[in-house]
């Protein structure tokens, strides 16, 4: 009976200044997952790093997380410009500045190939909006190759 009550501890990985990640298994294999603090968001964000087998994130993947953070200003500009374009000439039309007030970065997922990112934005809590959905984007080499907006 004690065996059933004991919590099974998942392997953890301390991602330096960002926070602790836990190893999870999903239908596609293994990924390190956790909420991290980063300079690109005023709230903690979900970070997922897909890995082969149960390996820890590689130095390359850690460097890619740091690079993502450094490139966030350029990347976010592309994301909000894409959102603005998608809503242009519709009853939901908003300019980039309005959209930046309405949404924040919620999650990033570094895919196993180390060149593709999945990004999720969420509506701000204190902004009145009819936009109650989560914009999602796939980036490959920092270019948008898919979104759920178009």
N, C-alpha and C. Protein backbone atom coordinates (compact mmCIF):
# COMPACT_ATOMS: atom_id res chain seq x y z
N UNK A 1 0.82 -1.20 0.00
CA UNK A 1 0.00 0.00 0.00
C UNK A 1 0.86 1.26 0.00
N UNK A 2 1.98 1.24 0.71
CA UNK A 2 2.86 2.40 0.73
C UNK A 2 3.40 2.72 -0.66
N UNK A 3 3.61 1.67 -1.46
CA UNK A 3 4.11 1.89 -2.81
C UNK A 3 3.13 2.73 -3.63
N UNK A 4 1.84 2.50 -3.43
CA UNK A 4 0.84 3.25 -4.18
C UNK A 4 0.78 4.71 -3.73
N UNK A 5 1.05 4.96 -2.47
CA UNK A 5 0.97 6.32 -1.94
C UNK A 5 2.20 7.14 -2.30
N UNK A 6 3.32 6.48 -2.50
CA UNK A 6 4.55 7.20 -2.82
C UNK A 6 4.45 7.88 -4.18
N UNK A 7 4.80 9.14 -4.18
CA UNK A 7 4.76 9.88 -5.44
C UNK A 7 6.00 9.51 -6.26
N UNK A 8 5.76 9.18 -7.52
CA UNK A 8 6.87 8.85 -8.40
C UNK A 8 7.49 10.16 -8.85
N UNK A 9 8.78 10.33 -8.54
CA UNK A 9 9.45 11.56 -8.91
C UNK A 9 9.99 11.46 -10.32
N UNK A 10 9.73 12.50 -11.09
CA UNK A 10 10.21 12.57 -12.45
C UNK A 10 11.62 13.14 -12.45
N UNK A 11 12.42 12.72 -13.41
CA UNK A 11 13.76 13.33 -13.52
C UNK A 11 13.62 14.84 -13.74
N UNK A 12 14.56 15.59 -13.16
CA UNK A 12 14.55 17.04 -13.31
C UNK A 12 15.83 17.52 -13.93
N UNK A 13 15.73 18.68 -14.58
CA UNK A 13 16.88 19.32 -15.19
C UNK A 13 16.84 20.79 -14.82
N UNK A 14 17.93 21.30 -14.23
CA UNK A 14 17.99 22.70 -13.84
C UNK A 14 18.54 23.50 -15.02
N UNK A 15 17.67 24.29 -15.62
CA UNK A 15 18.04 25.08 -16.79
C UNK A 15 18.58 26.44 -16.33
N UNK A 16 19.71 26.41 -15.68
CA UNK A 16 20.46 27.59 -15.21
C UNK A 16 19.53 28.68 -14.69
N UNK A 17 19.59 29.86 -15.30
CA UNK A 17 18.85 31.01 -14.77
C UNK A 17 17.36 30.95 -15.05
N UNK A 18 16.88 29.96 -15.80
CA UNK A 18 15.48 29.93 -16.21
C UNK A 18 14.57 29.17 -15.25
N UNK A 19 14.99 28.03 -14.76
CA UNK A 19 14.15 27.26 -13.86
C UNK A 19 14.33 25.76 -14.05
N UNK A 20 13.49 25.01 -13.37
CA UNK A 20 13.56 23.55 -13.35
C UNK A 20 12.60 22.97 -14.39
N UNK A 21 13.09 21.99 -15.16
CA UNK A 21 12.25 21.27 -16.12
C UNK A 21 12.10 19.83 -15.66
N UNK A 22 10.95 19.24 -15.94
CA UNK A 22 10.69 17.83 -15.63
C UNK A 22 10.57 17.05 -16.93
N UNK A 23 11.01 15.79 -16.89
CA UNK A 23 10.93 14.93 -18.06
C UNK A 23 9.53 14.33 -18.16
N UNK A 24 8.91 14.50 -19.32
CA UNK A 24 7.58 13.94 -19.58
C UNK A 24 7.65 13.08 -20.83
N UNK A 25 6.77 12.10 -20.89
CA UNK A 25 6.65 11.28 -22.09
C UNK A 25 5.29 11.56 -22.71
N UNK A 26 5.31 11.81 -24.02
CA UNK A 26 4.05 12.00 -24.73
C UNK A 26 4.03 11.06 -25.91
N UNK A 27 3.04 11.20 -26.77
CA UNK A 27 2.89 10.25 -27.88
C UNK A 27 4.05 10.33 -28.87
N UNK A 28 4.76 11.46 -28.88
CA UNK A 28 5.87 11.63 -29.82
C UNK A 28 7.23 11.28 -29.23
N UNK A 29 7.27 10.94 -27.97
CA UNK A 29 8.55 10.61 -27.34
C UNK A 29 8.70 11.36 -26.03
N UNK A 30 9.92 11.85 -25.78
CA UNK A 30 10.21 12.50 -24.52
C UNK A 30 10.44 13.99 -24.71
N UNK A 31 10.06 14.74 -23.68
CA UNK A 31 10.28 16.19 -23.70
C UNK A 31 10.49 16.67 -22.27
N UNK A 32 11.33 17.68 -22.14
CA UNK A 32 11.51 18.37 -20.87
C UNK A 32 10.53 19.53 -20.86
N UNK A 33 9.80 19.68 -19.74
CA UNK A 33 8.72 20.65 -19.66
C UNK A 33 8.77 21.36 -18.32
N UNK A 34 8.49 22.66 -18.34
CA UNK A 34 8.38 23.40 -17.09
C UNK A 34 8.00 24.85 -17.34
N UNK A 35 7.67 25.53 -16.27
CA UNK A 35 7.40 26.97 -16.33
C UNK A 35 8.71 27.67 -16.00
N UNK A 36 9.10 28.61 -16.85
CA UNK A 36 10.37 29.29 -16.65
C UNK A 36 10.17 30.79 -16.59
N UNK A 37 11.11 31.46 -15.97
CA UNK A 37 11.14 32.91 -15.94
C UNK A 37 12.17 33.38 -16.95
N UNK A 38 11.79 34.38 -17.72
CA UNK A 38 12.67 34.89 -18.75
C UNK A 38 12.43 36.39 -18.91
N UNK A 39 13.41 37.07 -19.42
CA UNK A 39 13.31 38.52 -19.58
C UNK A 39 12.32 38.92 -20.67
N UNK A 40 11.87 38.00 -21.49
CA UNK A 40 10.98 38.36 -22.59
C UNK A 40 9.51 38.34 -22.19
N UNK A 41 9.22 37.97 -20.95
CA UNK A 41 7.83 37.92 -20.51
C UNK A 41 7.75 38.35 -19.05
N UNK A 42 6.70 39.10 -18.72
CA UNK A 42 6.52 39.51 -17.33
C UNK A 42 5.94 38.40 -16.47
N UNK A 43 5.45 37.35 -17.09
CA UNK A 43 4.95 36.18 -16.37
C UNK A 43 5.78 34.96 -16.80
N UNK A 44 5.76 33.92 -15.99
CA UNK A 44 6.48 32.71 -16.38
C UNK A 44 5.80 32.10 -17.61
N UNK A 45 6.60 31.46 -18.44
CA UNK A 45 6.06 30.83 -19.65
C UNK A 45 6.34 29.34 -19.60
N UNK A 46 5.55 28.59 -20.35
CA UNK A 46 5.78 27.15 -20.47
C UNK A 46 6.86 26.92 -21.52
N UNK A 47 7.84 26.12 -21.15
CA UNK A 47 8.90 25.76 -22.09
C UNK A 47 8.91 24.25 -22.24
N UNK A 48 8.93 23.79 -23.49
CA UNK A 48 9.06 22.37 -23.78
C UNK A 48 10.24 22.20 -24.72
N UNK A 49 11.10 21.25 -24.40
CA UNK A 49 12.24 20.92 -25.26
C UNK A 49 12.15 19.44 -25.57
N UNK A 50 11.88 19.11 -26.84
CA UNK A 50 11.81 17.70 -27.23
C UNK A 50 13.22 17.13 -27.32
N UNK A 51 13.38 15.89 -26.84
CA UNK A 51 14.68 15.22 -26.85
C UNK A 51 14.54 13.78 -27.32
N UNK A 52 15.65 13.22 -27.74
CA UNK A 52 15.70 11.79 -28.08
C UNK A 52 15.77 10.99 -26.79
N UNK A 53 15.00 9.92 -26.72
CA UNK A 53 14.98 9.05 -25.54
C UNK A 53 14.76 9.89 -24.29
N UNK A 54 15.57 9.68 -23.26
CA UNK A 54 15.40 10.43 -22.02
C UNK A 54 16.61 11.33 -21.76
N UNK A 55 17.30 11.72 -22.81
CA UNK A 55 18.49 12.54 -22.67
C UNK A 55 18.14 13.92 -22.14
N UNK A 56 19.11 14.52 -21.43
CA UNK A 56 18.95 15.90 -20.99
C UNK A 56 19.06 16.81 -22.20
N UNK A 57 18.51 18.03 -22.10
CA UNK A 57 18.67 18.97 -23.22
C UNK A 57 20.16 19.17 -23.53
N UNK A 58 20.47 19.23 -24.81
CA UNK A 58 21.87 19.38 -25.22
C UNK A 58 22.32 20.82 -25.04
N UNK A 59 23.63 21.03 -25.08
CA UNK A 59 24.17 22.39 -25.04
C UNK A 59 23.63 23.21 -26.20
N UNK A 60 23.48 22.57 -27.37
CA UNK A 60 22.93 23.26 -28.53
C UNK A 60 21.52 23.76 -28.23
N UNK A 61 20.69 22.92 -27.62
CA UNK A 61 19.31 23.31 -27.30
C UNK A 61 19.28 24.45 -26.28
N UNK A 62 20.15 24.38 -25.30
CA UNK A 62 20.22 25.45 -24.30
C UNK A 62 20.64 26.76 -24.96
N UNK A 63 21.61 26.68 -25.86
CA UNK A 63 22.03 27.87 -26.61
C UNK A 63 20.89 28.41 -27.48
N UNK A 64 20.08 27.51 -28.04
CA UNK A 64 18.95 27.94 -28.86
C UNK A 64 17.89 28.67 -28.03
N UNK A 65 17.69 28.24 -26.78
CA UNK A 65 16.77 28.94 -25.88
C UNK A 65 17.28 30.35 -25.63
N UNK A 66 18.57 30.47 -25.36
CA UNK A 66 19.16 31.79 -25.13
C UNK A 66 19.07 32.66 -26.39
N UNK A 67 19.30 32.07 -27.55
CA UNK A 67 19.21 32.81 -28.80
C UNK A 67 17.77 33.26 -29.05
N UNK A 68 16.81 32.39 -28.75
CA UNK A 68 15.40 32.74 -28.90
C UNK A 68 15.09 33.98 -28.07
N UNK A 69 15.59 33.99 -26.85
CA UNK A 69 15.36 35.12 -25.95
C UNK A 69 15.97 36.41 -26.55
N UNK A 70 17.18 36.31 -27.07
CA UNK A 70 17.85 37.48 -27.67
C UNK A 70 17.11 37.98 -28.91
N UNK A 71 16.51 37.06 -29.67
CA UNK A 71 15.83 37.42 -30.92
C UNK A 71 14.35 37.72 -30.71
N UNK A 72 13.87 37.70 -29.47
CA UNK A 72 12.44 37.82 -29.22
C UNK A 72 11.85 39.12 -29.75
N UNK A 73 12.54 40.22 -29.64
CA UNK A 73 12.01 41.49 -30.11
C UNK A 73 11.68 41.42 -31.61
N UNK A 74 12.60 40.88 -32.39
CA UNK A 74 12.39 40.73 -33.83
C UNK A 74 11.29 39.70 -34.11
N UNK A 75 11.35 38.58 -33.39
CA UNK A 75 10.36 37.51 -33.58
C UNK A 75 8.96 38.00 -33.22
N UNK A 76 8.83 38.66 -32.09
CA UNK A 76 7.50 39.12 -31.68
C UNK A 76 6.95 40.15 -32.66
N UNK A 77 7.81 41.00 -33.21
CA UNK A 77 7.35 41.95 -34.21
C UNK A 77 6.75 41.21 -35.40
N UNK A 78 7.42 40.14 -35.85
CA UNK A 78 6.90 39.33 -36.97
C UNK A 78 5.55 38.70 -36.61
N UNK A 79 5.44 38.19 -35.39
CA UNK A 79 4.20 37.54 -34.98
C UNK A 79 3.04 38.53 -34.95
N UNK A 80 3.28 39.70 -34.36
CA UNK A 80 2.20 40.69 -34.28
C UNK A 80 1.88 41.29 -35.64
N UNK A 81 2.86 41.45 -36.50
CA UNK A 81 2.57 41.91 -37.86
C UNK A 81 1.74 40.88 -38.61
N UNK A 82 2.04 39.61 -38.39
CA UNK A 82 1.26 38.54 -39.01
C UNK A 82 -0.19 38.58 -38.49
N UNK A 83 -0.35 38.75 -37.19
CA UNK A 83 -1.70 38.84 -36.62
C UNK A 83 -2.45 40.03 -37.20
N UNK A 84 -1.77 41.17 -37.27
CA UNK A 84 -2.39 42.37 -37.84
C UNK A 84 -2.86 42.12 -39.27
N UNK A 85 -2.01 41.48 -40.06
CA UNK A 85 -2.36 41.18 -41.45
C UNK A 85 -3.55 40.23 -41.54
N UNK A 86 -3.59 39.25 -40.67
CA UNK A 86 -4.69 38.28 -40.68
C UNK A 86 -6.04 38.92 -40.37
N UNK A 87 -6.04 39.94 -39.51
CA UNK A 87 -7.29 40.59 -39.11
C UNK A 87 -7.64 41.79 -40.00
N UNK A 88 -6.73 42.19 -40.86
CA UNK A 88 -6.96 43.37 -41.70
C UNK A 88 -8.22 43.18 -42.55
N UNK A 89 -9.00 44.26 -42.67
CA UNK A 89 -10.23 44.29 -43.47
C UNK A 89 -11.29 43.31 -42.98
N UNK A 90 -11.23 42.99 -41.71
CA UNK A 90 -12.28 42.15 -41.11
C UNK A 90 -12.94 42.94 -39.98
N UNK A 91 -14.02 42.42 -39.47
CA UNK A 91 -14.68 43.12 -38.36
C UNK A 91 -13.84 43.08 -37.09
N UNK A 92 -12.78 42.26 -37.08
CA UNK A 92 -11.89 42.14 -35.92
C UNK A 92 -10.58 42.91 -36.12
N UNK A 93 -10.54 43.77 -37.11
CA UNK A 93 -9.29 44.47 -37.43
C UNK A 93 -8.73 45.21 -36.22
N UNK A 94 -7.47 44.99 -35.95
CA UNK A 94 -6.73 45.65 -34.87
C UNK A 94 -5.34 45.95 -35.40
N UNK A 95 -4.76 47.06 -34.92
CA UNK A 95 -3.38 47.32 -35.34
C UNK A 95 -2.41 46.59 -34.41
N UNK A 96 -1.17 46.57 -34.83
CA UNK A 96 -0.14 45.82 -34.11
C UNK A 96 -0.02 46.26 -32.66
N UNK A 97 -0.10 47.56 -32.41
CA UNK A 97 0.02 48.06 -31.04
C UNK A 97 -1.12 47.58 -30.15
N UNK A 98 -2.33 47.57 -30.68
CA UNK A 98 -3.47 47.06 -29.93
C UNK A 98 -3.29 45.58 -29.62
N UNK A 99 -2.85 44.83 -30.62
CA UNK A 99 -2.65 43.39 -30.45
C UNK A 99 -1.56 43.10 -29.40
N UNK A 100 -0.52 43.92 -29.37
CA UNK A 100 0.55 43.73 -28.38
C UNK A 100 0.03 43.95 -26.96
N UNK A 101 -0.95 44.82 -26.81
CA UNK A 101 -1.55 45.03 -25.49
C UNK A 101 -2.50 43.90 -25.13
N UNK A 102 -3.04 43.24 -26.14
CA UNK A 102 -4.05 42.21 -25.92
C UNK A 102 -3.47 40.82 -25.65
N UNK A 103 -2.24 40.55 -26.11
CA UNK A 103 -1.68 39.20 -26.02
C UNK A 103 -0.29 39.19 -25.42
N UNK A 104 0.03 38.08 -24.76
CA UNK A 104 1.37 37.88 -24.22
C UNK A 104 1.85 36.48 -24.57
N UNK A 105 3.16 36.31 -24.55
CA UNK A 105 3.77 35.01 -24.82
C UNK A 105 3.42 34.06 -23.69
N UNK A 106 2.89 32.90 -24.05
CA UNK A 106 2.45 31.92 -23.05
C UNK A 106 3.33 30.68 -23.04
N UNK A 107 3.72 30.20 -24.24
CA UNK A 107 4.46 28.94 -24.31
C UNK A 107 5.35 28.90 -25.54
N UNK A 108 6.51 28.26 -25.37
CA UNK A 108 7.39 27.96 -26.49
C UNK A 108 7.80 26.50 -26.41
N UNK A 109 7.92 25.91 -27.57
CA UNK A 109 8.22 24.48 -27.68
C UNK A 109 9.30 24.32 -28.74
N UNK A 110 10.48 23.90 -28.33
CA UNK A 110 11.57 23.63 -29.27
C UNK A 110 11.45 22.18 -29.72
N UNK A 111 11.21 22.01 -31.00
CA UNK A 111 10.99 20.67 -31.54
C UNK A 111 12.31 19.92 -31.66
N UNK A 112 12.21 18.63 -31.81
CA UNK A 112 13.34 17.72 -31.82
C UNK A 112 14.41 18.07 -32.86
N UNK A 113 14.00 18.65 -33.99
CA UNK A 113 14.97 18.96 -35.06
C UNK A 113 15.80 20.21 -34.75
N UNK A 114 15.47 20.91 -33.67
CA UNK A 114 16.19 22.10 -33.22
C UNK A 114 16.11 23.28 -34.18
N UNK A 115 15.22 23.24 -35.17
CA UNK A 115 15.06 24.39 -36.06
C UNK A 115 13.62 24.88 -36.06
N UNK A 116 12.74 24.15 -35.41
CA UNK A 116 11.32 24.50 -35.43
C UNK A 116 10.85 24.82 -34.02
N UNK A 117 10.08 25.91 -33.90
CA UNK A 117 9.50 26.35 -32.64
C UNK A 117 7.99 26.39 -32.78
N UNK A 118 7.28 25.96 -31.76
CA UNK A 118 5.84 26.19 -31.66
C UNK A 118 5.65 27.26 -30.60
N UNK A 119 4.86 28.28 -30.92
CA UNK A 119 4.67 29.41 -30.01
C UNK A 119 3.18 29.60 -29.78
N UNK A 120 2.83 29.86 -28.52
CA UNK A 120 1.43 30.11 -28.15
C UNK A 120 1.36 31.46 -27.42
N UNK A 121 0.40 32.28 -27.85
CA UNK A 121 0.11 33.55 -27.19
C UNK A 121 -1.22 33.40 -26.45
N UNK A 122 -1.40 34.19 -25.39
CA UNK A 122 -2.66 34.17 -24.64
C UNK A 122 -3.18 35.59 -24.50
N UNK A 123 -4.51 35.73 -24.36
CA UNK A 123 -5.06 37.06 -24.13
C UNK A 123 -4.65 37.58 -22.75
N UNK A 124 -4.35 38.88 -22.68
CA UNK A 124 -4.07 39.53 -21.40
C UNK A 124 -5.32 39.47 -20.53
N UNK A 125 -5.13 39.42 -19.23
CA UNK A 125 -6.26 39.31 -18.31
C UNK A 125 -6.98 40.64 -18.12
N UNK A 126 -6.25 41.74 -18.18
CA UNK A 126 -6.82 43.04 -17.84
C UNK A 126 -7.18 43.88 -19.06
N UNK A 127 -7.28 43.26 -20.23
CA UNK A 127 -7.64 43.97 -21.45
C UNK A 127 -8.98 43.44 -21.95
N UNK A 128 -9.92 44.36 -22.11
CA UNK A 128 -11.22 43.96 -22.64
C UNK A 128 -11.06 43.58 -24.11
N UNK A 129 -11.53 42.40 -24.45
CA UNK A 129 -11.35 41.93 -25.82
C UNK A 129 -12.37 40.87 -26.17
N UNK A 130 -12.72 40.84 -27.44
CA UNK A 130 -13.55 39.75 -27.94
C UNK A 130 -12.67 38.61 -28.42
N UNK A 131 -11.35 38.82 -28.37
CA UNK A 131 -10.39 37.85 -28.88
C UNK A 131 -10.07 36.83 -27.79
N UNK A 132 -10.95 35.92 -27.56
CA UNK A 132 -10.76 34.93 -26.51
C UNK A 132 -10.31 33.60 -27.11
N UNK A 133 -9.16 33.64 -27.76
CA UNK A 133 -8.58 32.42 -28.33
C UNK A 133 -7.07 32.52 -28.23
N UNK A 134 -6.39 31.44 -28.49
CA UNK A 134 -4.94 31.37 -28.36
C UNK A 134 -4.29 31.35 -29.74
N UNK A 135 -3.69 32.45 -30.16
CA UNK A 135 -2.95 32.41 -31.43
C UNK A 135 -1.76 31.47 -31.31
N UNK A 136 -1.61 30.59 -32.29
CA UNK A 136 -0.51 29.62 -32.30
C UNK A 136 0.27 29.79 -33.59
N UNK A 137 1.58 29.60 -33.46
CA UNK A 137 2.47 29.79 -34.60
C UNK A 137 3.51 28.68 -34.64
N UNK A 138 3.92 28.31 -35.83
CA UNK A 138 5.07 27.45 -36.01
C UNK A 138 6.12 28.26 -36.76
N UNK A 139 7.32 28.30 -36.22
CA UNK A 139 8.43 28.99 -36.85
C UNK A 139 9.50 27.98 -37.22
N UNK A 140 10.05 28.15 -38.38
CA UNK A 140 11.20 27.34 -38.79
C UNK A 140 12.27 28.33 -39.20
N UNK A 141 13.42 28.23 -38.55
CA UNK A 141 14.50 29.18 -38.78
C UNK A 141 13.99 30.62 -38.62
N UNK A 142 13.14 30.83 -37.63
CA UNK A 142 12.59 32.13 -37.24
C UNK A 142 11.65 32.75 -38.27
N UNK A 143 11.14 31.96 -39.19
CA UNK A 143 10.14 32.43 -40.14
C UNK A 143 8.83 31.69 -39.86
N UNK A 144 7.71 32.40 -39.94
CA UNK A 144 6.40 31.79 -39.68
C UNK A 144 6.05 30.90 -40.86
N UNK A 145 5.85 29.60 -40.56
CA UNK A 145 5.46 28.67 -41.61
C UNK A 145 4.02 28.18 -41.43
N UNK A 146 3.41 28.49 -40.26
CA UNK A 146 2.02 28.10 -40.01
C UNK A 146 1.49 28.96 -38.86
N UNK A 147 0.19 29.23 -38.91
CA UNK A 147 -0.50 29.81 -37.75
C UNK A 147 -1.96 29.37 -37.82
N UNK A 148 -2.62 29.44 -36.69
CA UNK A 148 -4.03 29.08 -36.66
C UNK A 148 -4.93 30.27 -36.99
N UNK A 149 -4.32 31.36 -37.48
CA UNK A 149 -5.09 32.55 -37.82
C UNK A 149 -5.54 32.57 -39.27
N UNK A 150 -4.81 31.91 -40.14
CA UNK A 150 -5.15 31.87 -41.57
C UNK A 150 -5.11 30.47 -42.07
